[in-house]
Amino acid sequence: MPNPLTQPEQTNQAHWDEVVPAHLRAYEEVAILKAGGIALDEIELREVGDVTGKTLLHLQCHIGTDTLSWARQGAVVTGVDFSAASIAAARQLADETQVPATFIEASLYDLPGILEGQFDIVYTSRGVLCWLRDLDAWARIIARFLKPGGLFYIMESHPMWNAFEELETGELKPLYSYFQTPEPVRWEADGDYADDTYTHEVASYEWTWSLSDILNALLKAGLRLEAFHEYDRLFFKWFVGMEPCIERWYHYPQYAGKLPWIFTLTARKP
């Protein structure tokens, strides 16, 4: 049965459709792919391992830069996103780079009624969980599409930082709840994380999930946790006071080596 998008999700869908042209211009990963490279980080490559010949399902793939990077690493890839503009851009990028990939326009929650089969790897990464209204359903869908023995992998911003805001003094202060709340938070049109010269016209809604929410959802879906890591750098400039540390990564200099900014998680289907 189709799972209709809620009003916040419809707004988010319009938001992601809107930002596609800006992201095609601003994403360094697009240029990297067009130059023949891959847009993945050494953390992901090391923790996922060799994907040669393996089938990989990429949930919430946006414009497909990571999807196509895994294809360049030898995986047989399928990317899924609910934004029509994102999927159109992903398909165009696949054509331009001549990298084989399948892209499906679908809400994550509708995917079991649209896509058949199972995969060796289900992958999702970098700024994805805040757009999900139902984390338990998300985890069940991951389990549904994994083959027995299959691997799930996520790299994501640490949910601790959802509670913080940056003050004008450069200090970070907890102003929001770290814990899950019944309703999503509405964010009015603002600058884009990838291009600070671009201002959205469409607002967005985000859901808050704690680490325990994430872990328990996967465990309830029957997956077995294999590894959990935390790192002290972030894949985008979340706060104004953050600075580049290594290629395409940011940190807060005064907190360097002291606090986690991302986590990675590996789980397996028995």
C-alpha atoms as a PDB file:
ATOM      1  CA  MET A   1       0.000   0.000   0.000  1.00  0.00           C
ATOM      2  CA  PRO A   2       1.305   3.500  -0.811  1.00  0.00           C
ATOM      3  CA  ASN A   3       2.389   5.519   2.198  1.00  0.00           C
ATOM      4  CA  PRO A   4       1.331   9.112   1.410  1.00  0.00           C
ATOM      5  CA  LEU A   5       3.754  11.879   2.254  1.00  0.00           C
ATOM      6  CA  THR A   6       2.757  14.000   5.207  1.00  0.00           C
ATOM      7  CA  GLN A   7       2.574  17.788   4.842  1.00  0.00           C
ATOM      8  CA  PRO A   8       6.097  18.253   6.315  1.00  0.00           C
ATOM      9  CA  GLU A   9       7.435  15.606   3.913  1.00  0.00           C
ATOM     10  CA  GLN A  10       5.743  17.282   0.945  1.00  0.00           C
ATOM     11  CA  THR A  11       7.435  20.542   1.946  1.00  0.00           C
ATOM     12  CA  ASN A  12      10.776  18.728   2.255  1.00  0.00           C
ATOM     13  CA  GLN A  13      10.285  17.155  -1.156  1.00  0.00           C
ATOM     14  CA  ALA A  14       9.771  20.613  -2.657  1.00  0.00           C
ATOM     15  CA  HIS A  15      12.797  21.859  -0.718  1.00  0.00           C
ATOM     16  CA  TRP A  16      15.058  19.152  -2.147  1.00  0.00           C
ATOM     17  CA  ASP A  17      13.700  19.671  -5.652  1.00  0.00           C
ATOM     18  CA  GLU A  18      14.547  23.364  -5.296  1.00  0.00           C
ATOM     19  CA  VAL A  19      18.158  22.969  -4.156  1.00  0.00           C
ATOM     20  CA  VAL A  20      19.277  20.520  -6.859  1.00  0.00           C
ATOM     21  CA  PRO A  21      20.653  23.196  -9.263  1.00  0.00           C
ATOM     22  CA  ALA A  22      22.567  24.835  -6.402  1.00  0.00           C
ATOM     23  CA  HIS A  23      24.036  21.483  -5.324  1.00  0.00           C
ATOM     24  CA  LEU A  24      25.057  20.562  -8.852  1.00  0.00           C
ATOM     25  CA  ARG A  25      27.065  23.796  -8.904  1.00  0.00           C
ATOM     26  CA  ALA A  26      28.388  23.688  -5.339  1.00  0.00           C
ATOM     27  CA  TYR A  27      29.116  20.028  -4.635  1.00  0.00           C
ATOM     28  CA  GLU A  28      32.807  19.303  -5.031  1.00  0.00           C
ATOM     29  CA  GLU A  29      31.810  15.669  -5.488  1.00  0.00           C
ATOM     30  CA  VAL A  30      30.245  16.465  -8.869  1.00  0.00           C
ATOM     31  CA  ALA A  31      33.520  17.826 -10.206  1.00  0.00           C
ATOM     32  CA  ILE A  32      35.413  14.882  -8.705  1.00  0.00           C
ATOM     33  CA  LEU A  33      33.146  12.395 -10.490  1.00  0.00           C
ATOM     34  CA  LYS A  34      33.369  14.228 -13.792  1.00  0.00           C
ATOM     35  CA  ALA A  35      37.153  14.162 -13.472  1.00  0.00           C
ATOM     36  CA  GLY A  36      37.085  10.374 -13.111  1.00  0.00           C
ATOM     37  CA  GLY A  37      37.435  10.152  -9.316  1.00  0.00           C
ATOM     38  CA  ILE A  38      35.236   9.022  -6.448  1.00  0.00           C
ATOM     39  CA  ALA A  39      33.493  11.161  -3.836  1.00  0.00           C
ATOM     40  CA  LEU A  40      33.745   8.727  -0.920  1.00  0.00           C
ATOM     41  CA  ASP A  41      35.885   9.239   2.165  1.00  0.00           C
ATOM     42  CA  GLU A  42      38.623   6.855   3.276  1.00  0.00           C
ATOM     43  CA  ILE A  43      36.547   6.115   6.410  1.00  0.00           C
ATOM     44  CA  GLU A  44      33.684   4.726   4.336  1.00  0.00           C
ATOM     45  CA  LEU A  45      35.980   2.854   1.973  1.00  0.00           C
ATOM     46  CA  ARG A  46      37.818   1.230   4.874  1.00  0.00           C
ATOM     47  CA  GLU A  47      34.776   0.369   6.957  1.00  0.00           C
ATOM     48  CA  VAL A  48      32.588  -0.958   4.125  1.00  0.00           C
ATOM     49  CA  GLY A  49      35.453  -2.809   2.458  1.00  0.00           C
ATOM     50  CA  ASP A  50      35.662  -4.316  -1.000  1.00  0.00           C
ATOM     51  CA  VAL A  51      32.383  -3.957  -2.919  1.00  0.00           C
ATOM     52  CA  THR A  52      33.507  -5.500  -6.199  1.00  0.00           C
ATOM     53  CA  GLY A  53      30.604  -7.349  -7.792  1.00  0.00           C
ATOM     54  CA  LYS A  54      28.288  -6.712  -4.832  1.00  0.00           C
ATOM     55  CA  THR A  55      24.802  -5.279  -5.128  1.00  0.00           C
ATOM     56  CA  LEU A  56      24.358  -2.003  -3.225  1.00  0.00           C
ATOM     57  CA  LEU A  57      21.151  -0.115  -2.417  1.00  0.00           C
ATOM     58  CA  HIS A  58      21.688   3.555  -1.587  1.00  0.00           C
ATOM     59  CA  LEU A  59      18.787   5.073   0.351  1.00  0.00           C
ATOM     60  CA  GLN A  60      18.204   8.853   0.169  1.00  0.00           C
ATOM     61  CA  CYS A  61      20.802   9.188  -2.576  1.00  0.00           C
ATOM     62  CA  HIS A  62      20.026  12.828  -3.567  1.00  0.00           C
ATOM     63  CA  ILE A  63      21.929  13.594  -6.810  1.00  0.00           C
ATOM     64  CA  GLY A  64      23.774  10.287  -6.760  1.00  0.00           C
ATOM     65  CA  THR A  65      27.396  11.296  -6.195  1.00  0.00           C
ATOM     66  CA  ASP A  66      28.006   8.606  -3.569  1.00  0.00           C
ATOM     67  CA  THR A  67      25.980   6.054  -5.530  1.00  0.00           C
ATOM     68  CA  LEU A  68      28.121   6.544  -8.612  1.00  0.00           C
ATOM     69  CA  SER A  69      31.278   6.494  -6.516  1.00  0.00           C
ATOM     70  CA  TRP A  70      30.378   3.035  -5.205  1.00  0.00           C
ATOM     71  CA  ALA A  71      29.752   1.958  -8.792  1.00  0.00           C
ATOM     72  CA  ARG A  72      33.246   3.136  -9.678  1.00  0.00           C
ATOM     73  CA  GLN A  73      34.485   0.931  -6.819  1.00  0.00           C
ATOM     74  CA  GLY A  74      32.898  -2.069  -8.529  1.00  0.00           C
ATOM     75  CA  ALA A  75      29.434  -2.304  -6.946  1.00  0.00           C
ATOM     76  CA  VAL A  76      26.181  -2.855  -8.855  1.00  0.00           C
ATOM     77  CA  VAL A  77      24.263   0.148  -7.557  1.00  0.00           C
ATOM     78  CA  THR A  78      20.671   1.278  -7.120  1.00  0.00           C
ATOM     79  CA  GLY A  79      19.963   4.755  -5.731  1.00  0.00           C
ATOM     80  CA  VAL A  80      16.608   5.870  -4.301  1.00  0.00           C
ATOM     81  CA  ASP A  81      15.306   9.343  -3.495  1.00  0.00           C
ATOM     82  CA  PHE A  82      11.877  10.995  -3.188  1.00  0.00           C
ATOM     83  CA  SER A  83      12.959  14.121  -5.066  1.00  0.00           C
ATOM     84  CA  ALA A  84      12.200  13.950  -8.786  1.00  0.00           C
ATOM     85  CA  ALA A  85      14.749  16.677  -9.512  1.00  0.00           C
ATOM     86  CA  SER A  86      17.431  14.806  -7.554  1.00  0.00           C
ATOM     87  CA  ILE A  87      16.823  11.572  -9.458  1.00  0.00           C
ATOM     88  CA  ALA A  88      16.829  13.398 -12.806  1.00  0.00           C
ATOM     89  CA  ALA A  89      20.175  14.970 -11.877  1.00  0.00           C
ATOM     90  CA  ALA A  90      21.575  11.610 -10.750  1.00  0.00           C
ATOM     91  CA  ARG A  91      20.598   9.968 -14.027  1.00  0.00           C
ATOM     92  CA  GLN A  92      22.124  12.834 -16.005  1.00  0.00           C
ATOM     93  CA  LEU A  93      25.341  12.585 -13.985  1.00  0.00           C
ATOM     94  CA  ALA A  94      25.449   8.820 -14.629  1.00  0.00           C
ATOM     95  CA  ASP A  95      25.082   9.469 -18.361  1.00  0.00           C
ATOM     96  CA  GLU A  96      27.759  12.166 -18.388  1.00  0.00           C
ATOM     97  CA  THR A  97      30.259  10.028 -16.488  1.00  0.00           C
ATOM     98  CA  GLN A  98      29.216   6.792 -18.238  1.00  0.00           C
ATOM     99  CA  VAL A  99      28.929   5.039 -14.873  1.00  0.00           C
ATOM    100  CA  PRO A 100      26.237   2.303 -14.811  1.00  0.00           C
ATOM    101  CA  ALA A 101      23.583   2.838 -12.151  1.00  0.00           C
ATOM    102  CA  THR A 102      19.858   2.451 -11.558  1.00  0.00           C
ATOM    103  CA  PHE A 103      17.995   5.358  -9.965  1.00  0.00           C
ATOM    104  CA  ILE A 104      14.456   5.142  -8.590  1.00  0.00           C
ATOM    105  CA  GLU A 105      12.220   8.057  -7.638  1.00  0.00           C
ATOM    106  CA  ALA A 106      10.292   6.898  -4.580  1.00  0.00           C
ATOM    107  CA  SER A 107       9.548   7.697  -0.981  1.00  0.00           C
ATOM    108  CA  LEU A 108      11.627   5.445   1.239  1.00  0.00           C
ATOM    109  CA  TYR A 109       8.454   4.186   2.930  1.00  0.00           C
ATOM    110  CA  ASP A 110       6.926   3.176  -0.429  1.00  0.00           C
ATOM    111  CA  LEU A 111      10.002   1.282  -1.576  1.00  0.00           C
ATOM    112  CA  PRO A 112       8.925  -2.247  -0.486  1.00  0.00           C
ATOM    113  CA  GLY A 113       5.956  -1.993  -2.871  1.00  0.00           C
ATOM    114  CA  ILE A 114       8.097  -0.749  -5.749  1.00  0.00           C
ATOM    115  CA  LEU A 115      11.450  -2.504  -5.646  1.00  0.00           C
ATOM    116  CA  GLU A 116      11.967  -6.260  -5.663  1.00  0.00           C
ATOM    117  CA  GLY A 117      14.921  -8.352  -4.576  1.00  0.00           C
ATOM    118  CA  GLN A 118      17.579  -8.029  -1.906  1.00  0.00           C
ATOM    119  CA  PHE A 119      21.070  -6.563  -1.782  1.00  0.00           C
ATOM    120  CA  ASP A 120      24.485  -7.399  -0.395  1.00  0.00           C
ATOM    121  CA  ILE A 121      24.801  -3.864   1.035  1.00  0.00           C
ATOM    122  CA  VAL A 122      22.321  -1.188   2.070  1.00  0.00           C
ATOM    123  CA  TYR A 123      24.063   2.164   2.414  1.00  0.00           C
ATOM    124  CA  THR A 124      22.996   5.623   3.548  1.00  0.00           C
ATOM    125  CA  SER A 125      25.121   8.558   4.500  1.00  0.00           C
ATOM    126  CA  ARG A 126      25.607  12.172   5.534  1.00  0.00           C
ATOM    127  CA  GLY A 127      22.600  14.179   6.634  1.00  0.00           C
ATOM    128  CA  VAL A 128      19.822  11.646   6.108  1.00  0.00           C
ATOM    129  CA  LEU A 129      18.133  10.726   9.396  1.00  0.00           C
ATOM    130  CA  CYS A 130      16.642  14.140  10.181  1.00  0.00           C
ATOM    131  CA  TRP A 131      14.370  13.798   7.120  1.00  0.00           C
ATOM    132  CA  LEU A 132      12.732  10.578   8.359  1.00  0.00           C
ATOM    133  CA  ARG A 133       9.458  10.643  10.282  1.00  0.00           C
ATOM    134  CA  ASP A 134       9.528   6.953  11.303  1.00  0.00           C
ATOM    135  CA  LEU A 135      12.854   5.419  12.245  1.00  0.00           C
ATOM    136  CA  ASP A 136      11.432   1.988  13.103  1.00  0.00           C
ATOM    137  CA  ALA A 137       9.922   1.709   9.605  1.00  0.00           C
ATOM    138  CA  TRP A 138      13.249   2.864   8.132  1.00  0.00           C
ATOM    139  CA  ALA A 139      15.095   0.071   9.938  1.00  0.00           C
ATOM    140  CA  ARG A 140      12.533  -2.553   8.859  1.00  0.00           C
ATOM    141  CA  ILE A 141      12.972  -1.458   5.243  1.00  0.00           C
ATOM    142  CA  ILE A 142      16.747  -1.822   5.567  1.00  0.00           C
ATOM    143  CA  ALA A 143      16.270  -5.361   6.910  1.00  0.00           C
ATOM    144  CA  ARG A 144      13.754  -6.134   4.148  1.00  0.00           C
ATOM    145  CA  PHE A 145      16.250  -5.275   1.403  1.00  0.00           C
ATOM    146  CA  LEU A 146      19.306  -6.964   2.898  1.00  0.00           C
ATOM    147  CA  LYS A 147      20.225 -10.478   1.888  1.00  0.00           C
ATOM    148  CA  PRO A 148      20.935 -12.859   4.783  1.00  0.00           C
ATOM    149  CA  GLY A 149      24.448 -11.944   5.870  1.00  0.00           C
ATOM    150  CA  GLY A 150      24.123  -8.572   4.136  1.00  0.00           C
ATOM    151  CA  LEU A 151      25.748  -5.396   5.450  1.00  0.00           C
ATOM    152  CA  PHE A 152      24.126  -2.103   6.467  1.00  0.00           C
ATOM    153  CA  TYR A 153      26.342   0.985   6.721  1.00  0.00           C
ATOM    154  CA  ILE A 154      25.684   4.587   7.713  1.00  0.00           C
ATOM    155  CA  MET A 155      27.874   7.648   8.209  1.00  0.00           C
ATOM    156  CA  GLU A 156      25.938  10.463   9.851  1.00  0.00           C
ATOM    157  CA  SER A 157      26.336  13.665  11.833  1.00  0.00           C
ATOM    158  CA  HIS A 158      26.344  13.020  15.566  1.00  0.00           C
ATOM    159  CA  PRO A 159      22.815  13.677  16.910  1.00  0.00           C
ATOM    160  CA  MET A 160      24.270  15.450  19.934  1.00  0.00           C
ATOM    161  CA  TRP A 161      24.744  18.559  17.764  1.00  0.00           C
ATOM    162  CA  ASN A 162      21.030  18.840  16.984  1.00  0.00           C
ATOM    163  CA  ALA A 163      20.664  20.279  20.484  1.00  0.00           C
ATOM    164  CA  PHE A 164      23.230  23.052  20.009  1.00  0.00           C
ATOM    165  CA  GLU A 165      23.198  26.512  18.521  1.00  0.00           C
ATOM    166  CA  GLU A 166      26.127  28.851  17.911  1.00  0.00           C
ATOM    167  CA  LEU A 167      26.126  32.143  19.779  1.00  0.00           C
ATOM    168  CA  GLU A 168      27.605  35.359  18.408  1.00  0.00           C
ATOM    169  CA  THR A 169      30.526  34.916  20.790  1.00  0.00           C
ATOM    170  CA  GLY A 170      31.501  31.713  18.983  1.00  0.00           C
ATOM    171  CA  GLU A 171      30.326  29.546  21.855  1.00  0.00           C
ATOM    172  CA  LEU A 172      28.017  26.559  21.447  1.00  0.00           C
ATOM    173  CA  LYS A 173      24.994  26.372  23.705  1.00  0.00           C
ATOM    174  CA  PRO A 174      22.340  23.624  24.025  1.00  0.00           C
ATOM    175  CA  LEU A 175      19.081  25.337  23.072  1.00  0.00           C
ATOM    176  CA  TYR A 176      17.069  22.434  21.649  1.00  0.00           C
ATOM    177  CA  SER A 177      16.143  18.963  22.851  1.00  0.00           C
ATOM    178  CA  TYR A 178      18.559  16.136  22.123  1.00  0.00           C
ATOM    179  CA  PHE A 179      15.706  13.655  22.474  1.00  0.00           C
ATOM    180  CA  GLN A 180      13.044  12.738  19.958  1.00  0.00           C
ATOM    181  CA  THR A 181       9.993  15.014  19.945  1.00  0.00           C
ATOM    182  CA  PRO A 182       6.513  14.214  18.554  1.00  0.00           C
ATOM    183  CA  GLU A 183       6.557  16.922  15.885  1.00  0.00           C
ATOM    184  CA  PRO A 184       9.333  17.933  13.492  1.00  0.00           C
ATOM    185  CA  VAL A 185      11.084  21.276  13.766  1.00  0.00           C
ATOM    186  CA  ARG A 186      10.279  23.749  10.990  1.00  0.00           C
ATOM    187  CA  TRP A 187      13.222  25.718   9.606  1.00  0.00           C
ATOM    188  CA  GLU A 188      12.413  28.792   7.560  1.00  0.00           C
ATOM    189  CA  ALA A 189      14.161  29.577   4.276  1.00  0.00           C
ATOM    190  CA  ASP A 190      17.843  30.187   4.895  1.00  0.00           C
ATOM    191  CA  GLY A 191      21.294  29.780   3.388  1.00  0.00           C
ATOM    192  CA  ASP A 192      22.266  26.414   1.957  1.00  0.00           C
ATOM    193  CA  TYR A 193      24.802  24.134   3.655  1.00  0.00           C
ATOM    194  CA  ALA A 194      26.613  23.583   0.355  1.00  0.00           C
ATOM    195  CA  ASP A 195      26.456  27.143  -0.956  1.00  0.00           C
ATOM    196  CA  ASP A 196      26.167  29.992   1.540  1.00  0.00           C
ATOM    197  CA  THR A 197      25.454  32.431  -1.297  1.00  0.00           C
ATOM    198  CA  TYR A 198      22.206  30.611  -2.096  1.00  0.00           C
ATOM    199  CA  THR A 199      19.041  31.195  -0.060  1.00  0.00           C
ATOM    200  CA  HIS A 200      16.197  28.670  -0.131  1.00  0.00           C
ATOM    201  CA  GLU A 201      12.718  29.773  -1.027  1.00  0.00           C
ATOM    202  CA  VAL A 202      11.110  26.686   0.526  1.00  0.00           C
ATOM    203  CA  ALA A 203      11.202  25.909   4.244  1.00  0.00           C
ATOM    204  CA  SER A 204      12.083  22.470   5.622  1.00  0.00           C
ATOM    205  CA  TYR A 205      11.135  20.192   8.496  1.00  0.00           C
ATOM    206  CA  GLU A 206      13.517  18.005  10.485  1.00  0.00           C
ATOM    207  CA  TRP A 207      12.927  15.189  12.945  1.00  0.00           C
ATOM    208  CA  THR A 208      15.228  14.664  15.921  1.00  0.00           C
ATOM    209  CA  TRP A 209      16.579  11.193  16.701  1.00  0.00           C
ATOM    210  CA  SER A 210      18.953  10.259  19.508  1.00  0.00           C
ATOM    211  CA  LEU A 211      21.668   7.624  19.272  1.00  0.00           C
ATOM    212  CA  SER A 212      19.511   5.267  21.313  1.00  0.00           C
ATOM    213  CA  ASP A 213      16.625   5.770  18.834  1.00  0.00           C
ATOM    214  CA  ILE A 214      18.911   4.850  15.941  1.00  0.00           C
ATOM    215  CA  LEU A 215      20.471   1.816  17.606  1.00  0.00           C
ATOM    216  CA  ASN A 216      17.210   0.462  18.990  1.00  0.00           C
ATOM    217  CA  ALA A 217      15.414   0.806  15.656  1.00  0.00           C
ATOM    218  CA  LEU A 218      18.054  -1.334  13.941  1.00  0.00           C
ATOM    219  CA  LEU A 219      18.118  -3.883  16.750  1.00  0.00           C
ATOM    220  CA  LYS A 220      14.301  -4.179  16.754  1.00  0.00           C
ATOM    221  CA  ALA A 221      14.450  -4.810  12.998  1.00  0.00           C
ATOM    222  CA  GLY A 222      16.641  -7.848  13.710  1.00  0.00           C
ATOM    223  CA  LEU A 223      19.996  -6.467  12.610  1.00  0.00           C
ATOM    224  CA  ARG A 224      23.159  -7.243  14.566  1.00  0.00           C
ATOM    225  CA  LEU A 225      25.462  -4.359  15.379  1.00  0.00           C
ATOM    226  CA  GLU A 226      29.024  -5.054  14.232  1.00  0.00           C
ATOM    227  CA  ALA A 227      30.827  -1.750  14.734  1.00  0.00           C
ATOM    228  CA  PHE A 228      30.208   1.773  15.971  1.00  0.00           C
ATOM    229  CA  HIS A 229      32.757   4.601  15.618  1.00  0.00           C
ATOM    230  CA  GLU A 230      32.860   8.328  16.370  1.00  0.00           C
ATOM    231  CA  TYR A 231      35.084  10.925  14.692  1.00  0.00           C
ATOM    232  CA  ASP A 232      35.980  14.524  15.525  1.00  0.00           C
ATOM    233  CA  ARG A 233      35.296  16.109  12.140  1.00  0.00           C
ATOM    234  CA  LEU A 234      32.233  16.875  10.036  1.00  0.00           C
ATOM    235  CA  PHE A 235      31.427  16.642   6.326  1.00  0.00           C
ATOM    236  CA  PHE A 236      29.926  20.134   6.071  1.00  0.00           C
ATOM    237  CA  LYS A 237      30.197  23.497   7.798  1.00  0.00           C
ATOM    238  CA  TRP A 238      27.415  23.211  10.380  1.00  0.00           C
ATOM    239  CA  PHE A 239      28.337  26.341  12.377  1.00  0.00           C
ATOM    240  CA  VAL A 240      29.877  29.611  11.198  1.00  0.00           C
ATOM    241  CA  GLY A 241      32.883  29.147  13.492  1.00  0.00           C
ATOM    242  CA  MET A 242      33.879  25.827  11.941  1.00  0.00           C
ATOM    243  CA  GLU A 243      36.975  25.732   9.740  1.00  0.00           C
ATOM    244  CA  PRO A 244      38.371  23.308   7.148  1.00  0.00           C
ATOM    245  CA  CYS A 245      40.656  20.685   8.689  1.00  0.00           C
ATOM    246  CA  ILE A 246      41.342  18.154   5.934  1.00  0.00           C
ATOM    247  CA  GLU A 247      39.981  17.909   2.389  1.00  0.00           C
ATOM    248  CA  ARG A 248      36.184  18.365   2.378  1.00  0.00           C
ATOM    249  CA  TRP A 249      35.993  18.106   6.196  1.00  0.00           C
ATOM    250  CA  TYR A 250      35.410  20.704   8.931  1.00  0.00           C
ATOM    251  CA  HIS A 251      36.012  21.026  12.651  1.00  0.00           C
ATOM    252  CA  TYR A 252      35.670  23.562  15.447  1.00  0.00           C
ATOM    253  CA  PRO A 253      39.289  24.444  16.322  1.00  0.00           C
ATOM    254  CA  GLN A 254      38.638  24.941  20.047  1.00  0.00           C
ATOM    255  CA  TYR A 255      36.974  21.519  20.275  1.00  0.00           C
ATOM    256  CA  ALA A 256      39.416  19.621  18.049  1.00  0.00           C
ATOM    257  CA  GLY A 257      40.050  16.133  19.370  1.00  0.00           C
ATOM    258  CA  LYS A 258      37.587  16.638  22.233  1.00  0.00           C
ATOM    259  CA  LEU A 259      34.072  15.998  20.890  1.00  0.00           C
ATOM    260  CA  PRO A 260      32.515  13.695  18.250  1.00  0.00           C
ATOM    261  CA  TRP A 261      30.984  15.277  15.159  1.00  0.00           C
ATOM    262  CA  ILE A 262      30.036  12.169  13.195  1.00  0.00           C
ATOM    263  CA  PHE A 263      29.405   8.505  13.852  1.00  0.00           C
ATOM    264  CA  THR A 264      29.553   5.456  11.627  1.00  0.00           C
ATOM    265  CA  LEU A 265      27.655   2.260  12.199  1.00  0.00           C
ATOM    266  CA  THR A 266      27.902  -1.176  10.637  1.00  0.00           C
ATOM    267  CA  ALA A 267      25.236  -3.827  11.164  1.00  0.00           C
ATOM    268  CA  ARG A 268      24.494  -7.161   9.551  1.00  0.00           C
ATOM    269  CA  LYS A 269      21.377  -9.187   8.819  1.00  0.00           C
ATOM    270  CA  PRO A 270      21.634 -12.696  10.342  1.00  0.00           C
END
